[in-house]
Amino acid sequence: MPTGVKLADPLSAAQLAESRGVRECLQWFTREKQWINERHLELCRIPAPTFLEGPRAQWMAEQFRKLGYAAEIDPAGNVTALPPREPGGPLVALTAHLDTVLAPRTREDIAVSPDGTFYGPGVADNGAGLAALLAIARALQSCPLIEGTHSTILFAANIGEEGEGNLSGMRYLAKQSPLAPRIRAYAVLDGPSVDHITWQALASRRFEIAFTGPGGHSWSDYGTANPVHALSQAVAWFADQYAGLQEGEGPRSSFNFGLIEGGASVNSIPASARAKVDLRSESNARIDEMAESLNAAMERARDLENRRSTGGKLAAKWKEIGARPGGTLPEGAPILEFVCAVDAHLGIRARLDCASTDANIPLSLGIPALSIGAGGQGGGAHTASEWFHPEGRDLGLRRILLTLAFLLKEDLGR
C-alpha cells in the first residue's frame, strides 16, 4: 500500500470480498481463465491503430451485446455499454483504450508460446485492459454484485489514447457525451501491471516543427539553404539546453524527438524536413518554458542556415499537434482510499505515480479518476516484441472488482 494514504476501512475490503455476490464474482475469474484468454487473443488479432479503431470497436460492442448489455458506438467512436433497463442515475465508468501504437498485419502476428505467453502488437497495452472490461462485464452478468448501490457501472472502450489521438475518445466521453453529466468517477485500465496507482496526470504538449526551401541538386545547387541541416541544428540546440533535465532540481520533465522526416534522395537538397517532439512535465509552467525554447531554437536554426545560404532561403513553422492537461487526485479522495484498502486486503504493494493516461481528462475537470493495471505480466509496450503472460491476471481482476464494489456503494456526489 502506498505510504501516506488513509484506508477506507482496514476490514471493509475483507468483509466485502466475503459477501455473497462479490465472492461468486471473484471465484468466476479463477474458474473462467480460458474464456478470458480466448477473448484477449481474439481482440488483439483485430488491428486498431490510432484513428482506425473501428473494426475493433464493432467487435467489442458485439461482445457486450452477447453478454446482455445495451452497447453502442458513440459519435467519437467509443464503445459504451450499460446494463439493460439501468435506472438512469449516477455512473462509475470503467474504461480501457482500444487503440495501439503498432498493429498486427496478420492474425498470425498475435502468437502464443508453449509457456502461455502472448506475443504481438498491443497484447499488453492495451489488450490486457480490454480483456478485463469483458471479464468484469461477464462476471457481473453471471453473479450480481451487491444490493443497495448508488451508481451503475458504465463500460467504455475508448479511442484515441495513443500518440496523436490526443485522448480524443476520453475528451468526448467526459465532456460532450450525453452520459458525461452522470459519471461520478473513472477507473481507467491501462496495461497489465498492478504495481502502480496513477493518481496524478502528467501534462504534455506535442509539436511539429518544419523547415521548407527550394531544394535542388546536391552539386549544382550547393549553397542553397538545406532544411535537414537547419532541423538537425534546432534539435541539437534544444537537446543540449535540456540535457540535464533528470539531474537538476525542480519538477520532473522530459522531451523526445520521436519522428524526423525529410529529403528525397542522397544527392538532392531536401525541399522540406520536419520533426515531431513530445514535451512532458509535472509542471505546466516548465512545459510552457520548454515550448518557448523549442520555438526559439527553430527560429535561430532557420536564421543561421539562411545567413549561410548563397541561394534560396528557408521558411520555418511550428504547430501544436497535441496537448494533455495535468491534474491531481486529492489524497483524501474516496476512490484512492478504496483502491488502497483493496490492495492492503489482497497483499498488493503499489506505488503512487504520475503518468499520462486517459485519466488526465477527468482529473483536469476535477472528476475523481485513477489509472491502474488490469493484471498479468507484460512488457515491450509500443515495440514489435510486446508480450503478455496471464499469470496473476485474476489478482488484477479481483482488485478491479472490489474497487468497483466500493465505488458503487459510495454516494460520490459531484
Protein backbone atom coordinates (compact mmCIF):
# COMPACT_ATOMS: atom_id res chain seq x y z
CA MET A 1 0.00 0.00 0.00
CA PRO A 2 1.37 3.48 -0.79
CA THR A 3 2.51 5.38 2.27
CA GLY A 4 0.60 8.42 3.47
CA VAL A 5 -2.81 7.31 2.19
CA LYS A 6 -5.64 6.62 4.59
CA LEU A 7 -7.54 3.36 4.10
CA ALA A 8 -11.29 3.41 3.72
CA ASP A 9 -11.59 0.79 6.48
CA PRO A 10 -8.97 -1.86 7.27
CA LEU A 11 -11.65 -4.57 7.49
CA SER A 12 -14.17 -3.37 4.92
CA ALA A 13 -12.39 -4.84 1.88
CA ALA A 14 -12.18 -8.28 3.50
CA GLN A 15 -15.83 -8.10 4.52
CA LEU A 16 -16.87 -7.00 1.04
CA ALA A 17 -14.90 -9.85 -0.54
CA GLU A 18 -16.83 -12.36 1.60
CA SER A 19 -20.27 -11.02 0.71
CA ARG A 20 -22.17 -13.50 -1.42
CA GLY A 21 -22.35 -11.77 -4.80
CA VAL A 22 -18.80 -10.45 -4.64
CA ARG A 23 -17.38 -13.79 -3.56
CA GLU A 24 -19.04 -15.53 -6.52
CA CYS A 25 -17.62 -12.97 -8.95
CA LEU A 26 -14.12 -13.36 -7.53
CA GLN A 27 -14.36 -17.13 -7.95
CA TRP A 28 -15.56 -16.67 -11.53
CA PHE A 29 -12.25 -15.04 -12.51
CA THR A 30 -10.32 -18.14 -11.47
CA ARG A 31 -12.82 -20.55 -12.98
CA GLU A 32 -13.04 -18.84 -16.39
CA LYS A 33 -9.40 -18.12 -17.16
CA GLN A 34 -9.59 -19.86 -20.52
CA TRP A 35 -12.58 -17.77 -21.66
CA ILE A 36 -10.77 -14.56 -20.72
CA ASN A 37 -7.58 -15.63 -22.53
CA GLU A 38 -9.55 -16.51 -25.68
CA ARG A 39 -11.28 -13.12 -25.76
CA HIS A 40 -7.94 -11.42 -25.15
CA LEU A 41 -6.28 -13.11 -28.13
CA GLU A 42 -9.28 -12.59 -30.38
CA LEU A 43 -9.50 -8.84 -29.77
CA CYS A 44 -5.75 -8.37 -30.25
CA ARG A 45 -5.98 -10.00 -33.69
CA ILE A 46 -8.22 -7.15 -34.85
CA PRO A 47 -5.91 -4.26 -35.88
CA ALA A 48 -6.72 -1.00 -34.10
CA PRO A 49 -4.03 1.62 -34.75
CA THR A 50 -4.92 5.11 -33.58
CA PHE A 51 -7.58 6.67 -35.86
CA LEU A 52 -8.51 3.20 -37.25
CA GLU A 53 -10.14 1.60 -34.24
CA GLY A 54 -13.50 0.98 -35.96
CA PRO A 55 -13.31 -2.81 -36.56
CA ARG A 56 -12.20 -3.50 -33.00
CA ALA A 57 -14.89 -1.17 -31.66
CA GLN A 58 -17.53 -3.09 -33.61
CA TRP A 59 -16.22 -6.37 -32.20
CA MET A 60 -16.22 -5.06 -28.63
CA ALA A 61 -19.76 -3.73 -28.97
CA GLU A 62 -20.94 -7.12 -30.21
CA GLN A 63 -19.26 -8.88 -27.26
CA PHE A 64 -21.08 -6.63 -24.79
CA ARG A 65 -24.38 -7.29 -26.58
CA LYS A 66 -23.83 -11.04 -26.38
CA LEU A 67 -23.39 -10.62 -22.63
CA GLY A 68 -26.73 -8.86 -22.39
CA TYR A 69 -25.61 -5.23 -22.23
CA ALA A 70 -27.03 -2.30 -24.14
CA ALA A 71 -23.96 -1.36 -26.19
CA GLU A 72 -23.46 1.32 -28.79
CA ILE A 73 -20.70 3.20 -30.58
CA ASP A 74 -20.90 6.92 -29.85
CA PRO A 75 -20.17 9.73 -32.35
CA ALA A 76 -16.49 9.79 -31.34
CA GLY A 77 -16.07 6.04 -31.96
CA ASN A 78 -16.08 4.90 -28.32
CA VAL A 79 -17.94 1.75 -27.30
CA THR A 80 -20.22 2.30 -24.31
CA ALA A 81 -22.17 -0.45 -22.59
CA LEU A 82 -24.75 -0.31 -19.80
CA PRO A 83 -26.98 -2.95 -18.22
CA PRO A 84 -30.41 -3.11 -19.88
CA ARG A 85 -33.09 -1.19 -18.02
CA GLU A 86 -30.48 0.68 -15.98
CA PRO A 87 -32.11 3.23 -13.65
CA GLY A 88 -30.64 6.36 -15.19
CA GLY A 89 -28.79 7.59 -12.10
CA PRO A 90 -25.10 8.17 -11.36
CA LEU A 91 -22.46 6.17 -13.23
CA VAL A 92 -18.98 4.87 -12.43
CA ALA A 93 -17.02 4.50 -15.68
CA LEU A 94 -14.67 1.55 -16.16
CA THR A 95 -12.62 2.30 -19.26
CA ALA A 96 -9.83 0.89 -21.44
CA HIS A 97 -8.47 2.29 -24.68
CA LEU A 98 -8.99 0.49 -27.98
CA ASP A 99 -6.03 1.80 -29.94
CA THR A 100 -2.46 0.54 -30.23
CA VAL A 101 0.80 2.15 -31.37
CA LEU A 102 1.64 -0.80 -33.63
CA ALA A 103 -0.86 -3.15 -35.24
CA PRO A 104 -0.71 -6.79 -36.36
CA ARG A 105 -0.53 -7.22 -40.15
CA THR A 106 -1.99 -10.73 -39.99
CA ARG A 107 -3.73 -12.83 -37.33
CA GLU A 108 -0.52 -14.87 -37.06
CA ASP A 109 1.30 -11.81 -35.72
CA ILE A 110 -0.51 -12.47 -32.42
CA ALA A 111 1.00 -15.72 -31.18
CA VAL A 112 1.11 -17.85 -28.04
CA SER A 113 4.29 -19.59 -26.92
CA PRO A 114 4.33 -23.06 -25.30
CA ASP A 115 4.57 -21.45 -21.85
CA GLY A 116 1.36 -19.46 -22.45
CA THR A 117 2.96 -16.09 -23.19
CA PHE A 118 1.14 -13.91 -25.72
CA TYR A 119 3.29 -12.09 -28.27
CA GLY A 120 2.42 -9.32 -30.68
CA PRO A 121 1.44 -5.65 -31.02
CA GLY A 122 -0.90 -4.45 -28.29
CA VAL A 123 -1.17 -7.70 -26.29
CA ALA A 124 -0.25 -5.84 -23.10
CA ASP A 125 -1.10 -2.23 -24.00
CA ASN A 126 -3.99 -2.38 -24.13
CA GLY A 127 -5.17 -5.92 -24.79
CA ALA A 128 -4.96 -6.52 -21.04
CA GLY A 129 -7.29 -3.62 -20.26
CA LEU A 130 -9.86 -4.53 -22.92
CA ALA A 131 -9.91 -8.18 -21.87
CA ALA A 132 -10.50 -7.02 -18.29
CA LEU A 133 -13.53 -4.97 -19.39
CA LEU A 134 -15.11 -8.07 -20.91
CA ALA A 135 -14.16 -10.25 -17.93
CA ILE A 136 -15.72 -7.85 -15.43
CA ALA A 137 -18.82 -7.47 -17.61
CA ARG A 138 -19.36 -11.23 -17.89
CA ALA A 139 -18.63 -11.87 -14.21
CA LEU A 140 -21.27 -9.33 -13.21
CA GLN A 141 -23.83 -10.91 -15.52
CA SER A 142 -23.06 -14.31 -14.01
CA CYS A 143 -23.30 -13.21 -10.38
CA PRO A 144 -24.93 -9.90 -9.40
CA LEU A 145 -22.53 -7.88 -7.30
CA ILE A 146 -24.22 -6.11 -4.38
CA GLU A 147 -27.52 -4.56 -3.50
CA GLY A 148 -28.16 -1.03 -2.32
CA THR A 149 -25.72 0.64 -4.72
CA HIS A 150 -25.80 4.36 -5.50
CA SER A 151 -24.35 4.02 -9.01
CA THR A 152 -24.27 1.82 -12.12
CA ILE A 153 -21.17 0.66 -14.00
CA LEU A 154 -20.60 2.17 -17.43
CA PHE A 155 -18.20 0.10 -19.52
CA ALA A 156 -16.30 2.17 -22.10
CA ALA A 157 -13.74 1.08 -24.69
CA ASN A 158 -12.45 4.40 -25.98
CA ILE A 159 -10.48 5.56 -28.99
CA GLY A 160 -7.53 7.91 -29.36
CA GLU A 161 -5.38 7.31 -26.28
CA GLU A 162 -2.07 6.69 -28.03
CA GLY A 163 0.17 9.14 -29.85
CA GLU A 164 -1.61 11.83 -31.82
CA GLY A 165 -5.02 10.52 -30.76
CA ASN A 166 -4.66 13.22 -28.09
CA LEU A 167 -7.12 11.45 -25.73
CA SER A 168 -9.94 12.28 -28.16
CA GLY A 169 -12.17 9.42 -27.03
CA MET A 170 -11.94 10.32 -23.37
CA ARG A 171 -12.39 14.02 -24.16
CA TYR A 172 -15.70 13.20 -25.80
CA LEU A 173 -16.82 10.81 -23.06
CA ALA A 174 -16.03 13.25 -20.23
CA LYS A 175 -17.13 16.50 -21.92
CA GLN A 176 -19.57 16.01 -24.80
CA SER A 177 -21.26 12.66 -24.32
CA PRO A 178 -24.88 12.71 -23.06
CA LEU A 179 -23.58 10.33 -20.37
CA ALA A 180 -20.93 12.79 -19.13
CA PRO A 181 -23.06 14.62 -16.54
CA ARG A 182 -23.90 11.32 -14.88
CA ILE A 183 -20.34 9.99 -14.50
CA ARG A 184 -19.12 10.43 -10.92
CA ALA A 185 -15.76 8.63 -11.17
CA TYR A 186 -13.46 6.97 -13.71
CA ALA A 187 -11.40 3.81 -13.23
CA VAL A 188 -9.04 3.55 -16.20
CA LEU A 189 -7.45 0.19 -17.07
CA ASP A 190 -4.16 0.59 -18.92
CA GLY A 191 -1.73 -2.29 -19.36
CA PRO A 192 -1.24 -5.26 -17.04
CA SER A 193 0.89 -4.23 -14.04
CA VAL A 194 -0.72 -3.95 -10.60
CA ASP A 195 2.32 -2.28 -9.01
CA HIS A 196 1.13 1.30 -9.55
CA ILE A 197 -1.79 3.64 -8.98
CA THR A 198 -1.72 6.63 -11.33
CA TRP A 199 -3.40 9.42 -9.41
CA GLN A 200 -1.57 12.41 -10.89
CA ALA A 201 -1.99 13.33 -14.56
CA LEU A 202 1.28 14.10 -16.32
CA ALA A 203 0.80 17.10 -18.60
CA SER A 204 2.26 17.06 -22.09
CA ARG A 205 2.39 19.13 -25.28
CA ARG A 206 3.38 17.87 -28.71
CA PHE A 207 4.65 19.91 -31.61
CA GLU A 208 5.65 19.52 -35.23
CA ILE A 209 8.42 21.79 -36.46
CA ALA A 210 9.01 22.10 -40.19
CA PHE A 211 11.56 23.79 -42.47
CA THR A 212 10.87 24.31 -46.17
CA GLY A 213 13.02 25.61 -49.01
CA PRO A 214 13.50 25.41 -52.78
CA GLY A 215 15.55 22.21 -52.72
CA GLY A 216 17.90 21.35 -55.55
CA HIS A 217 20.82 19.22 -56.75
CA SER A 218 23.47 18.40 -54.19
CA TRP A 219 26.28 19.60 -56.52
CA SER A 220 24.95 22.17 -58.94
CA ASP A 221 22.75 23.88 -56.33
CA TYR A 222 25.17 23.57 -53.44
CA GLY A 223 24.86 26.54 -51.11
CA THR A 224 21.05 26.58 -51.18
CA ALA A 225 19.66 26.55 -47.64
CA ASN A 226 19.09 22.97 -46.52
CA PRO A 227 16.01 22.14 -44.37
CA VAL A 228 17.60 18.98 -42.93
CA HIS A 229 20.68 20.93 -41.81
CA ALA A 230 18.50 23.52 -40.09
CA LEU A 231 16.29 20.91 -38.46
CA SER A 232 19.31 18.99 -37.19
CA GLN A 233 20.76 22.18 -35.72
CA ALA A 234 17.48 23.04 -33.98
CA VAL A 235 17.21 19.56 -32.46
CA ALA A 236 20.83 19.67 -31.30
CA TRP A 237 20.49 23.10 -29.67
CA PHE A 238 17.29 22.16 -27.86
CA ALA A 239 18.70 18.80 -26.71
CA ASP A 240 21.86 20.47 -25.39
CA GLN A 241 19.81 23.06 -23.49
CA TYR A 242 17.78 20.40 -21.67
CA ALA A 243 20.36 17.62 -21.48
CA GLY A 244 20.41 17.72 -17.68
CA LEU A 245 16.67 17.55 -17.01
CA GLN A 246 16.85 14.34 -14.97
CA GLU A 247 19.77 15.59 -12.89
CA GLY A 248 18.61 19.07 -11.99
CA GLU A 249 16.24 20.26 -9.32
CA GLY A 250 12.62 21.13 -9.93
CA PRO A 251 9.72 19.24 -11.44
CA ARG A 252 10.49 16.06 -13.33
CA SER A 253 10.37 16.76 -17.06
CA SER A 254 11.27 15.11 -20.35
CA PHE A 255 11.45 15.67 -24.09
CA ASN A 256 11.58 13.29 -27.02
CA PHE A 257 12.06 13.88 -30.74
CA GLY A 258 10.20 10.79 -31.85
CA LEU A 259 9.91 11.36 -35.60
CA ILE A 260 12.17 13.08 -38.13
CA GLU A 261 11.41 13.13 -41.86
CA GLY A 262 12.82 14.90 -44.91
CA GLY A 263 14.53 14.56 -48.22
CA ALA A 264 14.05 12.52 -51.38
CA SER A 265 17.50 11.14 -52.23
CA VAL A 266 21.09 11.27 -51.08
CA ASN A 267 22.07 13.59 -53.93
CA SER A 268 19.19 16.05 -53.58
CA ILE A 269 18.96 19.09 -51.33
CA PRO A 270 15.68 18.49 -49.49
CA ALA A 271 12.74 20.79 -50.08
CA SER A 272 11.39 20.06 -46.60
CA ALA A 273 12.19 18.48 -43.26
CA ARG A 274 10.08 18.08 -40.16
CA ALA A 275 10.22 16.63 -36.69
CA LYS A 276 7.67 15.78 -34.03
CA VAL A 277 8.55 16.29 -30.39
CA ASP A 278 6.86 15.31 -27.16
CA LEU A 279 7.33 17.57 -24.09
CA ARG A 280 6.25 16.35 -20.64
CA SER A 281 6.50 17.74 -17.14
CA GLU A 282 4.91 17.62 -13.73
CA SER A 283 4.74 21.42 -14.09
CA ASN A 284 2.67 23.22 -16.71
CA ALA A 285 5.00 26.22 -16.36
CA ARG A 286 8.01 24.07 -17.25
CA ILE A 287 6.27 22.71 -20.35
CA ASP A 288 5.47 26.27 -21.47
CA GLU A 289 9.10 27.25 -20.95
CA MET A 290 10.30 24.27 -22.99
CA ALA A 291 7.84 25.08 -25.77
CA GLU A 292 9.18 28.64 -25.98
CA SER A 293 12.73 27.30 -26.11
CA LEU A 294 11.79 24.92 -28.91
CA ASN A 295 10.38 27.78 -30.97
CA ALA A 296 13.48 29.88 -30.28
CA ALA A 297 15.78 27.02 -31.37
CA MET A 298 13.79 26.62 -34.59
CA GLU A 299 13.99 30.32 -35.45
CA ARG A 300 17.67 30.51 -34.56
CA ALA A 301 18.45 27.49 -36.78
CA ARG A 302 16.46 28.97 -39.67
CA ASP A 303 18.29 32.29 -39.41
CA LEU A 304 21.70 30.61 -39.23
CA GLU A 305 21.05 28.46 -42.30
CA ASN A 306 19.73 31.43 -44.24
CA ARG A 307 22.80 33.53 -43.42
CA ARG A 308 24.98 30.74 -44.78
CA SER A 309 22.91 30.29 -47.90
CA THR A 310 24.12 31.54 -51.29
CA GLY A 311 20.86 30.54 -52.95
CA GLY A 312 17.25 30.04 -51.88
CA LYS A 313 16.18 30.69 -48.31
CA LEU A 314 14.25 28.64 -45.75
CA ALA A 315 10.93 29.21 -44.06
CA ALA A 316 10.12 27.64 -40.70
CA LYS A 317 6.87 27.00 -38.91
CA TRP A 318 5.60 25.01 -36.00
CA LYS A 319 2.21 23.79 -34.88
CA GLU A 320 0.88 22.13 -31.78
CA ILE A 321 -0.42 18.66 -32.59
CA GLY A 322 -1.49 17.59 -29.12
CA ALA A 323 -1.88 18.70 -25.52
CA ARG A 324 -2.76 16.63 -22.49
CA PRO A 325 -3.84 18.56 -19.41
CA GLY A 326 -2.47 17.83 -15.96
CA GLY A 327 -4.36 17.28 -12.73
CA THR A 328 -4.13 15.59 -9.34
CA LEU A 329 -6.49 13.48 -7.31
CA PRO A 330 -6.69 14.77 -3.72
CA GLU A 331 -5.12 12.40 -1.19
CA GLY A 332 -8.40 12.06 0.70
CA ALA A 333 -10.44 11.16 -2.38
CA PRO A 334 -12.63 8.10 -1.72
CA ILE A 335 -11.56 6.38 -4.94
CA LEU A 336 -7.93 6.42 -3.79
CA GLU A 337 -8.81 5.22 -0.30
CA PHE A 338 -10.83 2.38 -1.78
CA VAL A 339 -8.14 1.03 -4.08
CA CYS A 340 -5.57 1.25 -1.27
CA ALA A 341 -7.89 -0.66 1.08
CA VAL A 342 -8.31 -3.33 -1.60
CA ASP A 343 -4.54 -3.52 -2.12
CA ALA A 344 -3.99 -3.99 1.61
CA HIS A 345 -6.52 -6.83 1.61
CA LEU A 346 -5.01 -8.53 -1.46
CA GLY A 347 -1.38 -8.01 -0.41
CA ILE A 348 -0.56 -5.73 -3.34
CA ARG A 349 2.25 -3.25 -2.72
CA ALA A 350 1.63 -0.47 -5.22
CA ARG A 351 3.23 2.92 -5.62
CA LEU A 352 1.51 6.19 -6.34
CA ASP A 353 2.74 7.57 -9.63
CA CYS A 354 2.35 10.35 -12.16
CA ALA A 355 1.75 9.37 -15.78
CA SER A 356 -0.07 10.37 -18.94
CA THR A 357 -3.21 8.25 -19.39
CA ASP A 358 -6.88 8.63 -20.22
CA ALA A 359 -7.34 9.69 -16.58
CA ASN A 360 -5.76 13.05 -17.50
CA ILE A 361 -9.05 14.33 -18.86
CA PRO A 362 -11.38 13.68 -15.90
CA LEU A 363 -8.65 14.70 -13.43
CA SER A 364 -8.23 18.01 -15.28
CA LEU A 365 -12.01 18.52 -14.92
CA GLY A 366 -11.96 17.83 -11.19
CA ILE A 367 -13.69 14.44 -11.55
CA PRO A 368 -12.28 11.59 -9.41
CA ALA A 369 -10.21 9.27 -11.59
CA LEU A 370 -7.22 6.99 -11.45
CA SER A 371 -5.48 4.51 -13.73
CA ILE A 372 -4.42 1.00 -12.72
CA GLY A 373 -3.21 -2.15 -14.46
CA ALA A 374 -5.55 -4.99 -15.36
CA GLY A 375 -3.43 -7.86 -14.04
CA GLY A 376 -0.97 -10.32 -15.51
CA GLN A 377 2.58 -9.63 -16.59
CA GLY A 378 3.76 -7.79 -19.66
CA GLY A 379 6.47 -5.77 -21.32
CA GLY A 380 7.81 -4.35 -24.55
CA ALA A 381 4.89 -1.95 -24.97
CA HIS A 382 4.97 0.12 -28.19
CA THR A 383 7.51 -2.28 -29.75
CA ALA A 384 7.36 -5.26 -32.10
CA SER A 385 8.41 -7.54 -29.23
CA GLU A 386 5.47 -6.74 -26.92
CA TRP A 387 4.40 -9.63 -24.68
CA PHE A 388 1.84 -10.58 -22.05
CA HIS A 389 1.56 -13.54 -19.69
CA PRO A 390 -1.77 -14.18 -17.97
CA GLU A 391 -0.24 -15.47 -14.75
CA GLY A 392 -1.60 -13.22 -11.99
CA ARG A 393 -4.39 -11.80 -14.14
CA ASP A 394 -7.05 -12.91 -11.64
CA LEU A 395 -5.35 -10.84 -8.92
CA GLY A 396 -5.74 -7.73 -11.05
CA LEU A 397 -9.36 -8.57 -11.82
CA ARG A 398 -10.16 -9.09 -8.14
CA ARG A 399 -8.60 -5.72 -7.40
CA ILE A 400 -10.73 -4.02 -10.07
CA LEU A 401 -13.95 -5.66 -8.98
CA LEU A 402 -13.51 -4.90 -5.27
CA THR A 403 -12.67 -1.27 -6.05
CA LEU A 404 -15.78 -1.03 -8.20
CA ALA A 405 -17.88 -2.54 -5.41
CA PHE A 406 -16.68 0.21 -3.06
CA LEU A 407 -17.38 2.92 -5.64
CA LEU A 408 -20.86 1.64 -6.42
CA LYS A 409 -21.81 1.65 -2.75
CA GLU A 410 -20.45 5.14 -2.08
CA ASP A 411 -22.53 8.25 -2.69
CA LEU A 412 -19.85 10.08 -4.67
CA GLY A 413 -21.89 13.20 -5.37
CA ARG A 414 -20.46 15.62 -7.94
